[in-house]
Amino acid sequence: MKITTVKTPKIYPYDDLYSILESSLPKLNERSIVVITSKIVSLCEGAVVELEKVSKDELIKQEADAYVFVEKYGIYLTKKWGILIPSAGIDESNVEGYFVLYPRDFLLSVNTLGDWLRNFYHLEHCGIIISDSHTTPLRRGTMGLGLCWNGFFPLYNYVGKPDCFGRALKMTYSNLLDGLSAAAVLCMGEGDEQTPIAIIEEAPKITFHSSPTTLQDMSTLAIAEDEDLYGPLLQSMAWETPAPTS
């Protein structure tokens, strides 16, 4: 598998994402997967709030699907779009004067990007991932994850396939989306690298398609809390939900 990072100019709210892609991306090959950070999608779409207009705590409570305050560290652990993420994904790094939120409509964003890439580069098979970084329990440091995707199937099913001793596997799915995202984010970096895009080539186990990603597709990655291995831990926490807006 080959990963190539893409340098861009500094990106500011309401910049034209497609002009940036057109001027920054090299020629793409068939079966490429483009990984783009959620931050630059959000910046270009204007999913930002000026710092002086709201406190971060209040903004987190508005944006999260559910939240719990971790007093020891003074941060909120939140549920957002079916994932656990600190601060509802709200970020202040690599931007001045704004809180950057998640894209308002992941599916619209990623499907539009996927169609644009295939049309602009005249490709039959090309994928797109909108990525972020997160932490995992009991592990230090951040790693990438995929928030949404288009153009390929995000899971590889090992169920029924033999292990190296010939025994049929019963429960194993490989999460291609997050695995690819983690590799890409590692290469893109988290600091001043200014490489918020990566191109993945020769990725194994990928089946491409050109259909739009739907909410039903997103649900294939989700696990209900009462079926999740970590469900008892999650259900023991004092989650709060945002107050309804009038």
Foldseek 3Di string as FASTA:
>chain_A
DDKDFWFFPQAAAQDDPVVRCVVIDDQDDAQKEKEFEQQRVQRNVVQKDFPVPDPLVVVLQVLFQKWDADVVVRWIFGHHLQDTATSQQWDDPSYPGITGHGPPDVLVSQLVVLVCSCVVNVYQAYKYFHKDWGDDPPDDDIFMATSDMFWWQQKADQAQPADPVGDGDHDDIDGNRGVVGRVNCVVQDDHDSNRRMMMDPPDPPIDTHNDGDDPVSSCVPHDDLVRDPCSVVVVVGDMDHRDDDD
